[in-house]
C-alpha atoms as a PDB file:
ATOM      1  CA  MET A   1     -36.408  28.022  35.314  1.00  0.00           C
ATOM      2  CA  ASP A   2     -34.502  31.163  36.195  1.00  0.00           C
ATOM      3  CA  TYR A   3     -30.785  31.013  35.329  1.00  0.00           C
ATOM      4  CA  ILE A   4     -28.357  33.891  35.686  1.00  0.00           C
ATOM      5  CA  GLY A   5     -25.146  33.733  33.631  1.00  0.00           C
ATOM      6  CA  ARG A   6     -23.318  30.600  32.573  1.00  0.00           C
ATOM      7  CA  ILE A   7     -24.343  27.456  34.427  1.00  0.00           C
ATOM      8  CA  PHE A   8     -21.865  24.689  35.268  1.00  0.00           C
ATOM      9  CA  ARG A   9     -22.348  21.237  36.739  1.00  0.00           C
ATOM     10  CA  PRO A  10     -20.228  18.078  37.140  1.00  0.00           C
ATOM     11  CA  PRO A  11     -20.218  15.679  34.163  1.00  0.00           C
ATOM     12  CA  SER A  12     -22.072  13.052  36.180  1.00  0.00           C
ATOM     13  CA  GLU A  13     -24.950  15.522  36.666  1.00  0.00           C
ATOM     14  CA  ALA A  14     -25.573  15.810  32.907  1.00  0.00           C
ATOM     15  CA  ARG A  15     -29.082  14.379  33.246  1.00  0.00           C
ATOM     16  CA  SER A  16     -29.956  16.273  36.424  1.00  0.00           C
ATOM     17  CA  LEU A  17     -32.398  19.078  36.990  1.00  0.00           C
ATOM     18  CA  LEU A  18     -30.345  22.224  37.633  1.00  0.00           C
ATOM     19  CA  LEU A  19     -31.649  24.514  40.364  1.00  0.00           C
ATOM     20  CA  GLN A  20     -29.707  27.755  40.785  1.00  0.00           C
ATOM     21  CA  VAL A  21     -29.765  28.877  44.422  1.00  0.00           C
ATOM     22  CA  THR A  22     -26.669  31.090  44.407  1.00  0.00           C
ATOM     23  CA  VAL A  23     -25.050  33.144  41.668  1.00  0.00           C
ATOM     24  CA  GLY A  24     -21.302  32.808  41.159  1.00  0.00           C
ATOM     25  CA  CYS A  25     -18.707  31.656  43.662  1.00  0.00           C
ATOM     26  CA  SER A  26     -18.078  33.225  47.055  1.00  0.00           C
ATOM     27  CA  HIS A  27     -14.329  32.487  46.797  1.00  0.00           C
ATOM     28  CA  ASN A  28     -13.800  33.108  43.085  1.00  0.00           C
ATOM     29  CA  ARG A  29     -10.013  33.466  43.380  1.00  0.00           C
ATOM     30  CA  CYS A  30      -8.724  30.100  42.135  1.00  0.00           C
ATOM     31  CA  ALA A  31      -5.948  31.007  39.727  1.00  0.00           C
ATOM     32  CA  TYR A  32      -6.914  28.518  37.020  1.00  0.00           C
ATOM     33  CA  CYS A  33     -10.682  29.160  36.946  1.00  0.00           C
ATOM     34  CA  ASP A  34     -12.730  31.607  34.898  1.00  0.00           C
ATOM     35  CA  MET A  35     -16.130  29.964  35.422  1.00  0.00           C
ATOM     36  CA  TYR A  36     -17.598  32.689  37.603  1.00  0.00           C
ATOM     37  CA  ARG A  37     -15.384  35.712  36.971  1.00  0.00           C
ATOM     38  CA  ASP A  38     -18.219  37.434  35.104  1.00  0.00           C
ATOM     39  CA  LYS A  39     -20.492  37.220  38.164  1.00  0.00           C
ATOM     40  CA  ARG A  40     -20.619  38.841  41.562  1.00  0.00           C
ATOM     41  CA  PHE A  41     -21.561  36.307  44.218  1.00  0.00           C
ATOM     42  CA  LYS A  42     -25.068  36.619  45.604  1.00  0.00           C
ATOM     43  CA  VAL A  43     -27.757  34.475  47.142  1.00  0.00           C
ATOM     44  CA  LYS A  44     -30.905  34.143  45.065  1.00  0.00           C
ATOM     45  CA  PRO A  45     -34.135  35.131  46.813  1.00  0.00           C
ATOM     46  CA  VAL A  46     -35.827  32.102  48.319  1.00  0.00           C
ATOM     47  CA  GLU A  47     -39.073  33.109  46.576  1.00  0.00           C
ATOM     48  CA  ARG A  48     -37.350  32.772  43.203  1.00  0.00           C
ATOM     49  CA  VAL A  49     -35.922  29.363  44.104  1.00  0.00           C
ATOM     50  CA  MET A  50     -39.299  28.125  45.342  1.00  0.00           C
ATOM     51  CA  ALA A  51     -40.925  29.353  42.128  1.00  0.00           C
ATOM     52  CA  ASP A  52     -38.429  27.277  40.134  1.00  0.00           C
ATOM     53  CA  ILE A  53     -39.253  24.217  42.249  1.00  0.00           C
ATOM     54  CA  ASP A  54     -42.949  24.810  41.569  1.00  0.00           C
ATOM     55  CA  GLU A  55     -42.219  25.065  37.841  1.00  0.00           C
ATOM     56  CA  ALA A  56     -40.308  21.779  37.935  1.00  0.00           C
ATOM     57  CA  ALA A  57     -43.248  20.184  39.757  1.00  0.00           C
ATOM     58  CA  ARG A  58     -45.612  21.296  36.987  1.00  0.00           C
ATOM     59  CA  LEU A  59     -43.300  19.852  34.319  1.00  0.00           C
ATOM     60  CA  GLY A  60     -43.227  16.485  36.058  1.00  0.00           C
ATOM     61  CA  PRO A  61     -40.607  13.753  36.551  1.00  0.00           C
ATOM     62  CA  ALA A  62     -38.218  14.396  33.665  1.00  0.00           C
ATOM     63  CA  HIS A  63     -35.201  13.972  35.976  1.00  0.00           C
ATOM     64  CA  ASP A  64     -34.486  11.782  38.982  1.00  0.00           C
ATOM     65  CA  LYS A  65     -31.502  13.794  40.231  1.00  0.00           C
ATOM     66  CA  LEU A  66     -31.134  17.484  41.057  1.00  0.00           C
ATOM     67  CA  PHE A  67     -28.030  19.663  41.275  1.00  0.00           C
ATOM     68  CA  LEU A  68     -27.855  22.899  43.237  1.00  0.00           C
ATOM     69  CA  CYS A  69     -25.943  25.627  41.365  1.00  0.00           C
ATOM     70  CA  ASP A  70     -23.752  27.766  41.328  1.00  0.00           C
ATOM     71  CA  GLY A  71     -20.155  27.203  42.266  1.00  0.00           C
ATOM     72  CA  ASP A  72     -20.470  26.617  45.983  1.00  0.00           C
ATOM     73  CA  ALA A  73     -24.119  26.588  46.925  1.00  0.00           C
ATOM     74  CA  LEU A  74     -23.197  24.626  50.047  1.00  0.00           C
ATOM     75  CA  ILE A  75     -21.740  27.858  51.415  1.00  0.00           C
ATOM     76  CA  LEU A  76     -25.336  28.769  52.276  1.00  0.00           C
ATOM     77  CA  SER A  77     -26.246  28.277  55.903  1.00  0.00           C
ATOM     78  CA  THR A  78     -28.101  25.151  56.949  1.00  0.00           C
ATOM     79  CA  LYS A  79     -31.041  27.405  57.839  1.00  0.00           C
ATOM     80  CA  ARG A  80     -31.231  28.563  54.215  1.00  0.00           C
ATOM     81  CA  LEU A  81     -30.581  25.199  52.602  1.00  0.00           C
ATOM     82  CA  LEU A  82     -32.993  23.049  54.593  1.00  0.00           C
ATOM     83  CA  PRO A  83     -36.227  24.694  53.352  1.00  0.00           C
ATOM     84  CA  ILE A  84     -35.010  24.293  49.757  1.00  0.00           C
ATOM     85  CA  LEU A  85     -34.210  20.604  50.213  1.00  0.00           C
ATOM     86  CA  GLU A  86     -37.485  20.038  52.053  1.00  0.00           C
ATOM     87  CA  ALA A  87     -39.436  21.706  49.234  1.00  0.00           C
ATOM     88  CA  VAL A  88     -37.666  19.506  46.689  1.00  0.00           C
ATOM     89  CA  GLY A  89     -38.579  16.420  48.702  1.00  0.00           C
ATOM     90  CA  GLU A  90     -42.205  17.492  49.057  1.00  0.00           C
ATOM     91  CA  LYS A  91     -42.893  18.803  45.557  1.00  0.00           C
ATOM     92  CA  LEU A  92     -40.499  16.674  43.491  1.00  0.00           C
ATOM     93  CA  PRO A  93     -40.821  13.264  45.169  1.00  0.00           C
ATOM     94  CA  TRP A  94     -39.231  11.521  42.154  1.00  0.00           C
ATOM     95  CA  ILE A  95     -35.871  13.184  42.870  1.00  0.00           C
ATOM     96  CA  ARG A  96     -33.719  10.429  44.396  1.00  0.00           C
ATOM     97  CA  ARG A  97     -30.557  12.477  45.025  1.00  0.00           C
ATOM     98  CA  VAL A  98     -29.505  16.113  45.371  1.00  0.00           C
ATOM     99  CA  GLY A  99     -25.923  17.122  44.618  1.00  0.00           C
ATOM    100  CA  VAL A 100     -23.915  20.286  45.186  1.00  0.00           C
ATOM    101  CA  TYR A 101     -20.408  21.694  44.817  1.00  0.00           C
ATOM    102  CA  GLY A 102     -18.668  22.087  48.172  1.00  0.00           C
ATOM    103  CA  ASP A 103     -15.219  22.820  49.556  1.00  0.00           C
ATOM    104  CA  THR A 104     -13.260  23.051  52.785  1.00  0.00           C
ATOM    105  CA  ARG A 105     -14.955  26.328  53.706  1.00  0.00           C
ATOM    106  CA  SER A 106     -18.550  25.316  53.070  1.00  0.00           C
ATOM    107  CA  VAL A 107     -18.200  21.942  54.785  1.00  0.00           C
ATOM    108  CA  GLY A 108     -15.937  23.336  57.492  1.00  0.00           C
ATOM    109  CA  ASN A 109     -18.540  25.930  58.452  1.00  0.00           C
ATOM    110  CA  LYS A 110     -21.059  23.203  59.239  1.00  0.00           C
ATOM    111  CA  SER A 111     -21.136  20.712  62.072  1.00  0.00           C
ATOM    112  CA  VAL A 112     -21.590  17.006  61.446  1.00  0.00           C
ATOM    113  CA  ALA A 113     -25.062  17.341  62.974  1.00  0.00           C
ATOM    114  CA  GLU A 114     -25.965  20.038  60.438  1.00  0.00           C
ATOM    115  CA  LEU A 115     -24.623  17.951  57.576  1.00  0.00           C
ATOM    116  CA  LYS A 116     -26.712  15.007  58.795  1.00  0.00           C
ATOM    117  CA  GLU A 117     -29.771  17.265  58.742  1.00  0.00           C
ATOM    118  CA  LEU A 118     -29.022  18.144  55.124  1.00  0.00           C
ATOM    119  CA  ALA A 119     -28.478  14.470  54.293  1.00  0.00           C
ATOM    120  CA  ASP A 120     -31.790  13.529  55.885  1.00  0.00           C
ATOM    121  CA  ALA A 121     -33.447  16.227  53.770  1.00  0.00           C
ATOM    122  CA  GLY A 122     -32.041  14.762  50.546  1.00  0.00           C
ATOM    123  CA  LEU A 123     -28.475  15.985  50.057  1.00  0.00           C
ATOM    124  CA  GLY A 124     -26.685  12.900  48.764  1.00  0.00           C
ATOM    125  CA  ILE A 125     -23.377  13.958  47.250  1.00  0.00           C
ATOM    126  CA  VAL A 126     -20.851  16.799  47.502  1.00  0.00           C
ATOM    127  CA  TYR A 127     -18.456  17.464  44.622  1.00  0.00           C
ATOM    128  CA  HIS A 128     -15.191  18.854  45.918  1.00  0.00           C
ATOM    129  CA  GLY A 129     -12.428  20.105  43.633  1.00  0.00           C
ATOM    130  CA  PHE A 130      -9.466  20.171  45.982  1.00  0.00           C
ATOM    131  CA  GLU A 131      -7.057  20.051  42.974  1.00  0.00           C
ATOM    132  CA  SER A 132      -3.835  19.175  44.847  1.00  0.00           C
ATOM    133  CA  GLY A 133      -2.672  17.495  48.018  1.00  0.00           C
ATOM    134  CA  ASP A 134       0.347  19.783  48.312  1.00  0.00           C
ATOM    135  CA  ASP A 135      -0.013  22.914  50.436  1.00  0.00           C
ATOM    136  CA  GLU A 136       2.578  24.805  48.362  1.00  0.00           C
ATOM    137  CA  VAL A 137       0.533  24.166  45.219  1.00  0.00           C
ATOM    138  CA  LEU A 138      -2.710  25.095  46.980  1.00  0.00           C
ATOM    139  CA  LYS A 139      -1.174  28.404  47.976  1.00  0.00           C
ATOM    140  CA  LEU A 140       0.176  28.967  44.451  1.00  0.00           C
ATOM    141  CA  ILE A 141      -3.288  28.607  42.921  1.00  0.00           C
ATOM    142  CA  ASP A 142      -5.051  30.482  45.764  1.00  0.00           C
ATOM    143  CA  LYS A 143      -7.367  27.552  46.408  1.00  0.00           C
ATOM    144  CA  GLY A 144      -8.427  28.777  49.812  1.00  0.00           C
ATOM    145  CA  GLY A 145      -8.021  25.490  51.681  1.00  0.00           C
ATOM    146  CA  THR A 146      -5.278  23.308  53.099  1.00  0.00           C
ATOM    147  CA  ARG A 147      -4.408  19.631  53.012  1.00  0.00           C
ATOM    148  CA  ASP A 148      -5.497  19.123  56.630  1.00  0.00           C
ATOM    149  CA  GLU A 149      -8.798  20.891  55.952  1.00  0.00           C
ATOM    150  CA  CYS A 150      -9.420  18.529  53.020  1.00  0.00           C
ATOM    151  CA  ILE A 151      -9.021  15.545  55.333  1.00  0.00           C
ATOM    152  CA  GLU A 152     -11.393  17.136  57.844  1.00  0.00           C
ATOM    153  CA  THR A 153     -13.913  17.744  55.049  1.00  0.00           C
ATOM    154  CA  ALA A 154     -13.818  14.098  53.999  1.00  0.00           C
ATOM    155  CA  THR A 155     -14.190  12.916  57.584  1.00  0.00           C
ATOM    156  CA  LYS A 156     -17.216  15.112  58.257  1.00  0.00           C
ATOM    157  CA  LEU A 157     -19.010  14.115  55.070  1.00  0.00           C
ATOM    158  CA  ARG A 158     -18.391  10.436  55.792  1.00  0.00           C
ATOM    159  CA  GLU A 159     -19.754  10.802  59.317  1.00  0.00           C
ATOM    160  CA  ALA A 160     -22.817  12.592  57.934  1.00  0.00           C
ATOM    161  CA  GLY A 161     -23.480   9.840  55.390  1.00  0.00           C
ATOM    162  CA  ILE A 162     -22.967  12.077  52.337  1.00  0.00           C
ATOM    163  CA  ASP A 163     -21.088  10.742  49.315  1.00  0.00           C
ATOM    164  CA  HIS A 164     -17.885  12.623  48.497  1.00  0.00           C
ATOM    165  CA  SER A 165     -16.730  13.048  44.908  1.00  0.00           C
ATOM    166  CA  VAL A 166     -13.344  14.746  44.619  1.00  0.00           C
ATOM    167  CA  MET A 167     -11.480  16.283  41.709  1.00  0.00           C
ATOM    168  CA  VAL A 168      -7.759  16.801  41.226  1.00  0.00           C
ATOM    169  CA  LEU A 169      -5.971  18.751  38.508  1.00  0.00           C
ATOM    170  CA  LEU A 170      -3.086  17.231  36.594  1.00  0.00           C
ATOM    171  CA  GLY A 171      -0.395  19.828  35.902  1.00  0.00           C
ATOM    172  CA  VAL A 172      -1.699  22.472  38.289  1.00  0.00           C
ATOM    173  CA  GLY A 173       1.634  22.652  40.130  1.00  0.00           C
ATOM    174  CA  GLY A 174       3.442  23.536  36.927  1.00  0.00           C
ATOM    175  CA  GLU A 175       6.757  21.998  35.915  1.00  0.00           C
ATOM    176  CA  ARG A 176       8.470  23.147  39.112  1.00  0.00           C
ATOM    177  CA  LEU A 177       6.103  21.434  41.530  1.00  0.00           C
ATOM    178  CA  SER A 178       4.945  18.571  39.311  1.00  0.00           C
ATOM    179  CA  GLU A 179       6.507  15.695  41.229  1.00  0.00           C
ATOM    180  CA  GLN A 180       5.551  16.858  44.711  1.00  0.00           C
ATOM    181  CA  HIS A 181       2.056  17.729  43.484  1.00  0.00           C
ATOM    182  CA  ALA A 182       1.488  14.185  42.212  1.00  0.00           C
ATOM    183  CA  THR A 183       2.981  12.472  45.260  1.00  0.00           C
ATOM    184  CA  ALA A 184       1.139  14.651  47.771  1.00  0.00           C
ATOM    185  CA  THR A 185      -2.126  14.302  45.863  1.00  0.00           C
ATOM    186  CA  ALA A 186      -1.880  10.511  45.985  1.00  0.00           C
ATOM    187  CA  SER A 187      -1.185  10.696  49.707  1.00  0.00           C
ATOM    188  CA  LEU A 188      -4.132  13.018  50.349  1.00  0.00           C
ATOM    189  CA  LEU A 189      -6.495  10.865  48.287  1.00  0.00           C
ATOM    190  CA  SER A 190      -5.461   7.906  50.435  1.00  0.00           C
ATOM    191  CA  SER A 191      -6.211   9.855  53.610  1.00  0.00           C
ATOM    192  CA  MET A 192      -9.573  11.095  52.327  1.00  0.00           C
ATOM    193  CA  ASP A 193     -10.578   7.741  50.782  1.00  0.00           C
ATOM    194  CA  PRO A 194     -13.528   9.113  48.771  1.00  0.00           C
ATOM    195  CA  ALA A 195     -16.119   7.008  46.972  1.00  0.00           C
ATOM    196  CA  TYR A 196     -15.484   8.875  43.727  1.00  0.00           C
ATOM    197  CA  ALA A 197     -12.414  10.650  42.351  1.00  0.00           C
ATOM    198  CA  GLY A 198     -11.710  12.320  39.048  1.00  0.00           C
ATOM    199  CA  ALA A 199      -8.486  13.602  37.541  1.00  0.00           C
ATOM    200  CA  LEU A 200      -8.912  16.575  35.212  1.00  0.00           C
ATOM    201  CA  THR A 201      -6.169  18.247  33.177  1.00  0.00           C
ATOM    202  CA  THR A 202      -5.205  21.865  33.777  1.00  0.00           C
ATOM    203  CA  THR A 203      -5.958  24.174  30.872  1.00  0.00           C
ATOM    204  CA  ILE A 204      -4.584  27.701  30.930  1.00  0.00           C
ATOM    205  CA  VAL A 205      -7.535  29.974  30.233  1.00  0.00           C
ATOM    206  CA  PRO A 206      -6.811  33.496  28.933  1.00  0.00           C
ATOM    207  CA  GLY A 207      -7.552  36.229  31.448  1.00  0.00           C
ATOM    208  CA  THR A 208      -7.061  34.059  34.531  1.00  0.00           C
ATOM    209  CA  PRO A 209      -4.344  34.667  37.141  1.00  0.00           C
ATOM    210  CA  LEU A 210      -2.698  31.425  35.988  1.00  0.00           C
ATOM    211  CA  ALA A 211      -2.438  32.798  32.449  1.00  0.00           C
ATOM    212  CA  GLU A 212      -0.899  35.982  33.832  1.00  0.00           C
ATOM    213  CA  MET A 213       1.589  33.916  35.838  1.00  0.00           C
ATOM    214  CA  GLY A 214       2.504  32.067  32.663  1.00  0.00           C
ATOM    215  CA  ALA A 215       3.003  35.296  30.736  1.00  0.00           C
ATOM    216  CA  ARG A 216       5.395  36.512  33.457  1.00  0.00           C
ATOM    217  CA  GLY A 217       7.332  33.252  33.366  1.00  0.00           C
ATOM    218  CA  ASP A 218       6.217  32.267  36.879  1.00  0.00           C
ATOM    219  CA  PHE A 219       4.292  29.186  35.731  1.00  0.00           C
ATOM    220  CA  LYS A 220       4.885  26.653  32.972  1.00  0.00           C
ATOM    221  CA  LEU A 221       2.395  23.898  32.319  1.00  0.00           C
ATOM    222  CA  PRO A 222       3.991  20.430  32.184  1.00  0.00           C
ATOM    223  CA  GLY A 223       3.926  18.612  28.867  1.00  0.00           C
ATOM    224  CA  LYS A 224       1.209  16.117  28.001  1.00  0.00           C
ATOM    225  CA  PHE A 225       3.221  13.049  28.921  1.00  0.00           C
ATOM    226  CA  ARG A 226       4.543  14.610  32.112  1.00  0.00           C
ATOM    227  CA  MET A 227       0.941  15.154  33.187  1.00  0.00           C
ATOM    228  CA  LEU A 228       0.222  11.501  32.387  1.00  0.00           C
ATOM    229  CA  GLU A 229       3.201  10.619  34.579  1.00  0.00           C
ATOM    230  CA  GLU A 230       1.476  12.584  37.360  1.00  0.00           C
ATOM    231  CA  LEU A 231      -1.630  10.502  36.748  1.00  0.00           C
ATOM    232  CA  ARG A 232       0.422   7.312  36.956  1.00  0.00           C
ATOM    233  CA  THR A 233       1.893   8.388  40.299  1.00  0.00           C
ATOM    234  CA  ILE A 234      -1.568   9.215  41.635  1.00  0.00           C
ATOM    235  CA  VAL A 235      -2.983   5.851  40.553  1.00  0.00           C
ATOM    236  CA  ALA A 236       0.045   3.865  41.746  1.00  0.00           C
ATOM    237  CA  GLU A 237       0.418   5.505  45.148  1.00  0.00           C
ATOM    238  CA  SER A 238      -3.209   6.082  46.154  1.00  0.00           C
ATOM    239  CA  GLU A 239      -4.729   3.550  48.541  1.00  0.00           C
ATOM    240  CA  PHE A 240      -8.518   3.415  48.412  1.00  0.00           C
ATOM    241  CA  THR A 241     -11.043   1.192  50.118  1.00  0.00           C
ATOM    242  CA  ARG A 242     -13.212   1.311  46.993  1.00  0.00           C
ATOM    243  CA  CYS A 243     -13.214   4.275  44.635  1.00  0.00           C
ATOM    244  CA  ARG A 244     -14.717   4.899  41.230  1.00  0.00           C
ATOM    245  CA  PHE A 245     -11.740   6.661  39.637  1.00  0.00           C
ATOM    246  CA  SER A 246     -11.893   8.408  36.278  1.00  0.00           C
ATOM    247  CA  SER A 247      -9.790  10.571  34.033  1.00  0.00           C
ATOM    248  CA  ASN A 248     -12.372  10.790  31.251  1.00  0.00           C
ATOM    249  CA  HIS A 249     -13.239  14.475  31.597  1.00  0.00           C
ATOM    250  CA  ALA A 250     -13.303  16.510  28.391  1.00  0.00           C
ATOM    251  CA  SER A 251     -10.004  18.140  29.400  1.00  0.00           C
ATOM    252  CA  ASN A 252      -8.049  14.885  29.555  1.00  0.00           C
ATOM    253  CA  TYR A 253      -5.662  13.582  26.920  1.00  0.00           C
ATOM    254  CA  LEU A 254      -6.177   9.919  27.811  1.00  0.00           C
ATOM    255  CA  PRO A 255      -9.719   9.016  28.937  1.00  0.00           C
ATOM    256  CA  LEU A 256      -9.703   6.209  31.500  1.00  0.00           C
ATOM    257  CA  ARG A 257     -12.195   4.898  34.014  1.00  0.00           C
ATOM    258  CA  SER A 258     -11.762   2.212  36.624  1.00  0.00           C
ATOM    259  CA  THR A 259     -12.558   0.978  40.098  1.00  0.00           C
ATOM    260  CA  LEU A 260      -9.619   1.165  42.477  1.00  0.00           C
ATOM    261  CA  PRO A 261      -7.928  -0.794  43.878  1.00  0.00           C
ATOM    262  CA  ASP A 262      -9.509  -3.614  41.811  1.00  0.00           C
ATOM    263  CA  ASP A 263      -8.353  -2.289  38.436  1.00  0.00           C
ATOM    264  CA  LYS A 264      -5.071  -0.693  39.512  1.00  0.00           C
ATOM    265  CA  ASP A 265      -2.763  -3.119  37.685  1.00  0.00           C
ATOM    266  CA  GLU A 266      -4.765  -2.844  34.475  1.00  0.00           C
ATOM    267  CA  MET A 267      -4.834   0.957  34.621  1.00  0.00           C
ATOM    268  CA  LEU A 268      -1.108   1.174  35.326  1.00  0.00           C
ATOM    269  CA  ALA A 269      -0.401  -1.181  32.406  1.00  0.00           C
ATOM    270  CA  VAL A 270      -2.276   1.134  30.033  1.00  0.00           C
ATOM    271  CA  LEU A 271      -0.451   4.192  31.357  1.00  0.00           C
ATOM    272  CA  ASP A 272       2.924   2.452  31.157  1.00  0.00           C
ATOM    273  CA  LEU A 273       2.291   1.478  27.543  1.00  0.00           C
ATOM    274  CA  VAL A 274       1.294   5.019  26.554  1.00  0.00           C
ATOM    275  CA  LEU A 275       4.225   6.552  28.426  1.00  0.00           C
ATOM    276  CA  ALA A 276       6.663   4.105  26.834  1.00  0.00           C
ATOM    277  CA  ARG A 277       5.456   4.861  23.308  1.00  0.00           C
ATOM    278  CA  ARG A 278       5.295   8.650  23.750  1.00  0.00           C
ATOM    279  CA  ASP A 279       3.101   8.780  20.641  1.00  0.00           C
ATOM    280  CA  GLU A 280       0.798  11.813  20.616  1.00  0.00           C
ATOM    281  CA  ARG A 281      -1.461  10.089  18.090  1.00  0.00           C
ATOM    282  CA  ILE A 282      -2.705   7.938  20.966  1.00  0.00           C
ATOM    283  CA  LEU A 283      -3.877  11.016  22.860  1.00  0.00           C
ATOM    284  CA  LYS A 284      -6.992  13.078  22.414  1.00  0.00           C
ATOM    285  CA  PRO A 285      -6.234  15.911  19.960  1.00  0.00           C
ATOM    286  CA  GLU A 286      -6.320  19.459  21.270  1.00  0.00           C
ATOM    287  CA  HIS A 287      -9.366  20.407  19.207  1.00  0.00           C
ATOM    288  CA  HIS A 288     -11.369  17.658  20.907  1.00  0.00           C
ATOM    289  CA  ARG A 289     -10.519  18.785  24.421  1.00  0.00           C
ATOM    290  CA  GLY A 290     -12.764  21.031  26.486  1.00  0.00           C
ATOM    291  CA  LEU A 291     -13.047  22.608  29.920  1.00  0.00           C
END
């Protein structure tokens, strides 16, 4: 398989075949992210992608899921994506689901009819890191989307029959915007009502715009327990139909996983206990955390 640079995928795609169809991220301006800053965005030649599919076919059914890399492969046009998905379906018939990172731009650029075409060809889930439900925070971190566009994204994916897995970032509004970030994020999650949601914890990575903002005094990351208070607000105020909600990413201080709303009371009880004790020994130590 041909891989250029560092390759990233969602935690739930750990056992998936990784097929790189784009290099880097076409936006690549999110203030907190350094995942693709060493790459210039480009589309891989279709011949190279098809050769990788052929190689996977020769290796046989080692995986039953496939993830399209890099950062926002869904930004590719439907015309470019369909032949790839069709080749996966034809040559790797054991693949039961294809996943991809997507955002308000990549979904917004496609009609519901186009998204249905992609779903029919095998696209089963879109992972969308919208990070915050507050437009002021989104502007601060240069996310490149708005709250209303996030709702539109969720609506289109639902209409197309594609699962939507969203990610939010605890602490990404800094101390100044912490409360409104948490409240607005809970409200947006309720409006989007995704099947899956994950809360990650902001880590300031050296060399990123967020690190530069911190060095200038324009951004201060909330403390560990303040970020857990954000998580409590998100859990308490979000209203889901049925959502697999997790905060067990490597970045998180308190790994939790639940189904909401069924487990809301239990999850809030755990958070309340931890917040009442304020004992850092309960939390994951820094040297065990990751990005």
